[in-house]
Amino acid sequence: MAPMKLRIDTEACTGHGRCYSLAPDLFDADEYGHGVLRHEEVPDHLTEQAHTAVSNCPERAITLEP
């Protein structure tokens, strides 16, 4: 099975920081506090963190694709 991929809509992200607070193994912050990906392809053991980040983003700026 191919790994799932994370995407961040940089236009929609306003920097609440929930992604890197809830899924620090997958996300980091840039100099403005906006989320950036540590990994585009989600390792199997981090799938739950990826889903948590997607469901907790207030702007719905994060998507998880097969």
PDB file of N, CA and C in Angstrom:
ATOM      1  N   MET A   1       0.853  -1.180   0.000  1.00  0.00           N
ATOM      2  CA  MET A   1       0.000   0.000   0.000  1.00  0.00           C
ATOM      3  C   MET A   1       0.901   1.245   0.000  1.00  0.00           C
ATOM      4  N   ALA A   2       0.558   2.205  -0.830  1.00  0.00           N
ATOM      5  CA  ALA A   2       1.326   3.457  -0.921  1.00  0.00           C
ATOM      6  C   ALA A   2       1.069   4.309   0.317  1.00  0.00           C
ATOM      7  N   PRO A   3       2.083   5.045   0.758  1.00  0.00           N
ATOM      8  CA  PRO A   3       1.896   5.907   1.930  1.00  0.00           C
ATOM      9  C   PRO A   3       0.930   7.055   1.637  1.00  0.00           C
ATOM     10  N   MET A   4       0.247   7.513   2.670  1.00  0.00           N
ATOM     11  CA  MET A   4      -0.636   8.665   2.542  1.00  0.00           C
ATOM     12  C   MET A   4       0.232   9.914   2.492  1.00  0.00           C
ATOM     13  N   LYS A   5      -0.301  10.983   1.871  1.00  0.00           N
ATOM     14  CA  LYS A   5       0.446  12.224   1.733  1.00  0.00           C
ATOM     15  C   LYS A   5      -0.303  13.377   2.378  1.00  0.00           C
ATOM     16  N   LEU A   6       0.432  14.204   3.102  1.00  0.00           N
ATOM     17  CA  LEU A   6      -0.116  15.408   3.717  1.00  0.00           C
ATOM     18  C   LEU A   6       0.099  16.593   2.801  1.00  0.00           C
ATOM     19  N   ARG A   7      -0.837  17.519   2.842  1.00  0.00           N
ATOM     20  CA  ARG A   7      -0.723  18.774   2.115  1.00  0.00           C
ATOM     21  C   ARG A   7      -1.190  19.899   3.043  1.00  0.00           C
ATOM     22  N   ILE A   8      -0.552  21.065   2.922  1.00  0.00           N
ATOM     23  CA  ILE A   8      -0.995  22.258   3.637  1.00  0.00           C
ATOM     24  C   ILE A   8      -1.303  23.328   2.604  1.00  0.00           C
ATOM     25  N   ASP A   9      -2.504  23.878   2.690  1.00  0.00           N
ATOM     26  CA  ASP A   9      -2.876  25.026   1.851  1.00  0.00           C
ATOM     27  C   ASP A   9      -2.303  26.268   2.537  1.00  0.00           C
ATOM     28  N   THR A  10      -1.179  26.739   2.022  1.00  0.00           N
ATOM     29  CA  THR A  10      -0.486  27.860   2.668  1.00  0.00           C
ATOM     30  C   THR A  10      -1.290  29.154   2.610  1.00  0.00           C
ATOM     31  N   GLU A  11      -2.207  29.258   1.673  1.00  0.00           N
ATOM     32  CA  GLU A  11      -3.068  30.442   1.596  1.00  0.00           C
ATOM     33  C   GLU A  11      -4.120  30.419   2.705  1.00  0.00           C
ATOM     34  N   ALA A  12      -4.539  29.236   3.109  1.00  0.00           N
ATOM     35  CA  ALA A  12      -5.592  29.112   4.129  1.00  0.00           C
ATOM     36  C   ALA A  12      -5.036  29.119   5.551  1.00  0.00           C
ATOM     37  N   CYS A  13      -3.800  28.673   5.723  1.00  0.00           N
ATOM     38  CA  CYS A  13      -3.201  28.582   7.062  1.00  0.00           C
ATOM     39  C   CYS A  13      -2.988  29.979   7.646  1.00  0.00           C
ATOM     40  N   THR A  14      -3.476  30.171   8.886  1.00  0.00           N
ATOM     41  CA  THR A  14      -3.287  31.457   9.560  1.00  0.00           C
ATOM     42  C   THR A  14      -2.389  31.338  10.794  1.00  0.00           C
ATOM     43  N   GLY A  15      -1.848  30.139  11.045  1.00  0.00           N
ATOM     44  CA  GLY A  15      -0.866  29.979  12.099  1.00  0.00           C
ATOM     45  C   GLY A  15      -1.398  29.716  13.491  1.00  0.00           C
ATOM     46  N   HIS A  16      -2.499  29.010  13.623  1.00  0.00           N
ATOM     47  CA  HIS A  16      -2.989  28.662  14.957  1.00  0.00           C
ATOM     48  C   HIS A  16      -2.034  27.716  15.683  1.00  0.00           C
ATOM     49  N   GLY A  17      -1.296  26.919  14.943  1.00  0.00           N
ATOM     50  CA  GLY A  17      -0.297  26.045  15.542  1.00  0.00           C
ATOM     51  C   GLY A  17      -0.796  24.711  16.044  1.00  0.00           C
ATOM     52  N   ARG A  18      -2.033  24.384  15.780  1.00  0.00           N
ATOM     53  CA  ARG A  18      -2.544  23.106  16.271  1.00  0.00           C
ATOM     54  C   ARG A  18      -1.848  21.930  15.612  1.00  0.00           C
ATOM     55  N   CYS A  19      -1.495  22.064  14.339  1.00  0.00           N
ATOM     56  CA  CYS A  19      -0.863  20.943  13.639  1.00  0.00           C
ATOM     57  C   CYS A  19       0.455  20.564  14.293  1.00  0.00           C
ATOM     58  N   TYR A  20       1.319  21.534  14.524  1.00  0.00           N
ATOM     59  CA  TYR A  20       2.609  21.177  15.112  1.00  0.00           C
ATOM     60  C   TYR A  20       2.533  20.952  16.612  1.00  0.00           C
ATOM     61  N   SER A  21       1.470  21.400  17.251  1.00  0.00           N
ATOM     62  CA  SER A  21       1.269  21.081  18.669  1.00  0.00           C
ATOM     63  C   SER A  21       0.756  19.652  18.842  1.00  0.00           C
ATOM     64  N   LEU A  22      -0.148  19.242  17.975  1.00  0.00           N
ATOM     65  CA  LEU A  22      -0.775  17.925  18.081  1.00  0.00           C
ATOM     66  C   LEU A  22      -0.029  16.832  17.333  1.00  0.00           C
ATOM     67  N   ALA A  23       0.737  17.203  16.317  1.00  0.00           N
ATOM     68  CA  ALA A  23       1.457  16.215  15.504  1.00  0.00           C
ATOM     69  C   ALA A  23       2.887  16.698  15.239  1.00  0.00           C
ATOM     70  N   PRO A  24       3.677  16.826  16.298  1.00  0.00           N
ATOM     71  CA  PRO A  24       5.014  17.396  16.154  1.00  0.00           C
ATOM     72  C   PRO A  24       5.977  16.551  15.320  1.00  0.00           C
ATOM     73  N   ASP A  25       5.666  15.284  15.141  1.00  0.00           N
ATOM     74  CA  ASP A  25       6.523  14.442  14.309  1.00  0.00           C
ATOM     75  C   ASP A  25       6.286  14.680  12.822  1.00  0.00           C
ATOM     76  N   LEU A  26       5.171  15.335  12.491  1.00  0.00           N
ATOM     77  CA  LEU A  26       4.820  15.579  11.090  1.00  0.00           C
ATOM     78  C   LEU A  26       4.912  17.039  10.675  1.00  0.00           C
ATOM     79  N   PHE A  27       4.766  17.949  11.651  1.00  0.00           N
ATOM     80  CA  PHE A  27       4.710  19.375  11.339  1.00  0.00           C
ATOM     81  C   PHE A  27       5.705  20.169  12.163  1.00  0.00           C
ATOM     82  N   ASP A  28       6.093  21.293  11.622  1.00  0.00           N
ATOM     83  CA  ASP A  28       6.924  22.261  12.320  1.00  0.00           C
ATOM     84  C   ASP A  28       6.323  23.630  12.016  1.00  0.00           C
ATOM     85  N   ALA A  29       6.917  24.678  12.566  1.00  0.00           N
ATOM     86  CA  ALA A  29       6.445  26.040  12.307  1.00  0.00           C
ATOM     87  C   ALA A  29       7.497  26.802  11.524  1.00  0.00           C
ATOM     88  N   ASP A  30       7.027  27.681  10.650  1.00  0.00           N
ATOM     89  CA  ASP A  30       7.964  28.583   9.984  1.00  0.00           C
ATOM     90  C   ASP A  30       8.183  29.802  10.877  1.00  0.00           C
ATOM     91  N   GLU A  31       8.917  30.773  10.392  1.00  0.00           N
ATOM     92  CA  GLU A  31       9.243  31.943  11.212  1.00  0.00           C
ATOM     93  C   GLU A  31       8.027  32.801  11.569  1.00  0.00           C
ATOM     94  N   TYR A  32       6.886  32.553  10.916  1.00  0.00           N
ATOM     95  CA  TYR A  32       5.668  33.316  11.200  1.00  0.00           C
ATOM     96  C   TYR A  32       4.647  32.507  12.006  1.00  0.00           C
ATOM     97  N   GLY A  33       5.007  31.275  12.365  1.00  0.00           N
ATOM     98  CA  GLY A  33       4.098  30.428  13.118  1.00  0.00           C
ATOM     99  C   GLY A  33       3.161  29.599  12.271  1.00  0.00           C
ATOM    100  N   HIS A  34       3.327  29.632  10.963  1.00  0.00           N
ATOM    101  CA  HIS A  34       2.503  28.817  10.069  1.00  0.00           C
ATOM    102  C   HIS A  34       3.072  27.405   9.993  1.00  0.00           C
ATOM    103  N   GLY A  35       2.185  26.443   9.847  1.00  0.00           N
ATOM    104  CA  GLY A  35       2.610  25.055   9.781  1.00  0.00           C
ATOM    105  C   GLY A  35       3.377  24.732   8.510  1.00  0.00           C
ATOM    106  N   VAL A  36       4.401  23.925   8.657  1.00  0.00           N
ATOM    107  CA  VAL A  36       5.157  23.390   7.530  1.00  0.00           C
ATOM    108  C   VAL A  36       5.334  21.887   7.760  1.00  0.00           C
ATOM    109  N   LEU A  37       5.430  21.159   6.675  1.00  0.00           N
ATOM    110  CA  LEU A  37       5.552  19.709   6.757  1.00  0.00           C
ATOM    111  C   LEU A  37       6.977  19.277   7.080  1.00  0.00           C
ATOM    112  N   ARG A  38       7.090  18.342   7.985  1.00  0.00           N
ATOM    113  CA  ARG A  38       8.365  17.654   8.226  1.00  0.00           C
ATOM    114  C   ARG A  38       8.466  16.477   7.256  1.00  0.00           C
ATOM    115  N   HIS A  39       7.312  15.866   6.978  1.00  0.00           N
ATOM    116  CA  HIS A  39       7.221  14.712   6.070  1.00  0.00           C
ATOM    117  C   HIS A  39       5.996  14.892   5.199  1.00  0.00           C
ATOM    118  N   GLU A  40       6.168  14.817   3.891  1.00  0.00           N
ATOM    119  CA  GLU A  40       5.009  14.830   3.004  1.00  0.00           C
ATOM    120  C   GLU A  40       4.336  13.463   3.028  1.00  0.00           C
ATOM    121  N   GLU A  41       5.143  12.413   2.943  1.00  0.00           N
ATOM    122  CA  GLU A  41       4.605  11.057   3.017  1.00  0.00           C
ATOM    123  C   GLU A  41       4.553  10.644   4.484  1.00  0.00           C
ATOM    124  N   VAL A  42       3.392  10.180   4.902  1.00  0.00           N
ATOM    125  CA  VAL A  42       3.160   9.856   6.305  1.00  0.00           C
ATOM    126  C   VAL A  42       3.623   8.427   6.594  1.00  0.00           C
ATOM    127  N   PRO A  43       4.614   8.265   7.466  1.00  0.00           N
ATOM    128  CA  PRO A  43       5.000   6.913   7.878  1.00  0.00           C
ATOM    129  C   PRO A  43       3.817   6.230   8.577  1.00  0.00           C
ATOM    130  N   ASP A  44       3.713   4.930   8.407  1.00  0.00           N
ATOM    131  CA  ASP A  44       2.577   4.194   8.976  1.00  0.00           C
ATOM    132  C   ASP A  44       2.362   4.473  10.458  1.00  0.00           C
ATOM    133  N   HIS A  45       3.425   4.571  11.220  1.00  0.00           N
ATOM    134  CA  HIS A  45       3.273   4.753  12.670  1.00  0.00           C
ATOM    135  C   HIS A  45       2.818   6.166  13.047  1.00  0.00           C
ATOM    136  N   LEU A  46       2.732   7.086  12.066  1.00  0.00           N
ATOM    137  CA  LEU A  46       2.275   8.455  12.347  1.00  0.00           C
ATOM    138  C   LEU A  46       0.910   8.775  11.734  1.00  0.00           C
ATOM    139  N   THR A  47       0.235   7.753  11.240  1.00  0.00           N
ATOM    140  CA  THR A  47      -1.076   7.962  10.606  1.00  0.00           C
ATOM    141  C   THR A  47      -2.081   8.599  11.559  1.00  0.00           C
ATOM    142  N   GLU A  48      -2.091   8.163  12.801  1.00  0.00           N
ATOM    143  CA  GLU A  48      -3.038   8.728  13.773  1.00  0.00           C
ATOM    144  C   GLU A  48      -2.752  10.210  14.003  1.00  0.00           C
ATOM    145  N   GLN A  49      -1.488  10.607  14.110  1.00  0.00           N
ATOM    146  CA  GLN A  49      -1.135  12.022  14.256  1.00  0.00           C
ATOM    147  C   GLN A  49      -1.611  12.821  13.053  1.00  0.00           C
ATOM    148  N   ALA A  50      -1.469  12.260  11.871  1.00  0.00           N
ATOM    149  CA  ALA A  50      -1.902  12.955  10.654  1.00  0.00           C
ATOM    150  C   ALA A  50      -3.402  13.217  10.682  1.00  0.00           C
ATOM    151  N   HIS A  51      -4.173  12.211  11.040  1.00  0.00           N
ATOM    152  CA  HIS A  51      -5.632  12.381  11.115  1.00  0.00           C
ATOM    153  C   HIS A  51      -6.013  13.393  12.194  1.00  0.00           C
ATOM    154  N   THR A  52      -5.307  13.393  13.308  1.00  0.00           N
ATOM    155  CA  THR A  52      -5.565  14.358  14.383  1.00  0.00           C
ATOM    156  C   THR A  52      -5.326  15.783  13.892  1.00  0.00           C
ATOM    157  N   ALA A  53      -4.237  15.988  13.179  1.00  0.00           N
ATOM    158  CA  ALA A  53      -3.929  17.325  12.654  1.00  0.00           C
ATOM    159  C   ALA A  53      -4.991  17.788  11.664  1.00  0.00           C
ATOM    160  N   VAL A  54      -5.387  16.906  10.769  1.00  0.00           N
ATOM    161  CA  VAL A  54      -6.412  17.257   9.772  1.00  0.00           C
ATOM    162  C   VAL A  54      -7.712  17.653  10.466  1.00  0.00           C
ATOM    163  N   SER A  55      -8.144  16.867  11.421  1.00  0.00           N
ATOM    164  CA  SER A  55      -9.447  17.115  12.058  1.00  0.00           C
ATOM    165  C   SER A  55      -9.435  18.305  13.013  1.00  0.00           C
ATOM    166  N   ASN A  56      -8.252  18.776  13.409  1.00  0.00           N
ATOM    167  CA  ASN A  56      -8.178  19.893  14.354  1.00  0.00           C
ATOM    168  C   ASN A  56      -7.749  21.220  13.740  1.00  0.00           C
ATOM    169  N   CYS A  57      -7.532  21.269  12.449  1.00  0.00           N
ATOM    170  CA  CYS A  57      -7.144  22.521  11.799  1.00  0.00           C
ATOM    171  C   CYS A  57      -8.382  23.413  11.636  1.00  0.00           C
ATOM    172  N   PRO A  58      -8.403  24.587  12.278  1.00  0.00           N
ATOM    173  CA  PRO A  58      -9.579  25.454  12.210  1.00  0.00           C
ATOM    174  C   PRO A  58      -9.903  25.942  10.789  1.00  0.00           C
ATOM    175  N   GLU A  59      -8.876  26.080   9.959  1.00  0.00           N
ATOM    176  CA  GLU A  59      -9.091  26.580   8.594  1.00  0.00           C
ATOM    177  C   GLU A  59      -9.298  25.466   7.577  1.00  0.00           C
ATOM    178  N   ARG A  60      -9.158  24.221   8.029  1.00  0.00           N
ATOM    179  CA  ARG A  60      -9.208  23.066   7.125  1.00  0.00           C
ATOM    180  C   ARG A  60      -8.137  23.195   6.047  1.00  0.00           C
ATOM    181  N   ALA A  61      -6.975  23.676   6.450  1.00  0.00           N
ATOM    182  CA  ALA A  61      -5.869  23.901   5.526  1.00  0.00           C
ATOM    183  C   ALA A  61      -5.038  22.644   5.297  1.00  0.00           C
ATOM    184  N   ILE A  62      -5.273  21.600   6.082  1.00  0.00           N
ATOM    185  CA  ILE A  62      -4.500  20.363   5.965  1.00  0.00           C
ATOM    186  C   ILE A  62      -5.371  19.284   5.362  1.00  0.00           C
ATOM    187  N   THR A  63      -4.811  18.597   4.375  1.00  0.00           N
ATOM    188  CA  THR A  63      -5.515  17.457   3.790  1.00  0.00           C
ATOM    189  C   THR A  63      -4.594  16.249   3.811  1.00  0.00           C
ATOM    190  N   LEU A  64      -5.198  15.093   3.825  1.00  0.00           N
ATOM    191  CA  LEU A  64      -4.497  13.815   3.815  1.00  0.00           C
ATOM    192  C   LEU A  64      -5.010  13.064   2.604  1.00  0.00           C
ATOM    193  N   GLU A  65      -4.101  12.718   1.701  1.00  0.00           N
ATOM    194  CA  GLU A  65      -4.479  12.079   0.445  1.00  0.00           C
ATOM    195  C   GLU A  65      -3.884  10.681   0.365  1.00  0.00           C
ATOM    196  N   PRO A  66      -4.640   9.769  -0.256  1.00  0.00           N
ATOM    197  CA  PRO A  66      -4.117   8.397  -0.424  1.00  0.00           C
ATOM    198  C   PRO A  66      -2.929   8.367  -1.372  1.00  0.00           C
TER     199      PRO A  66
END
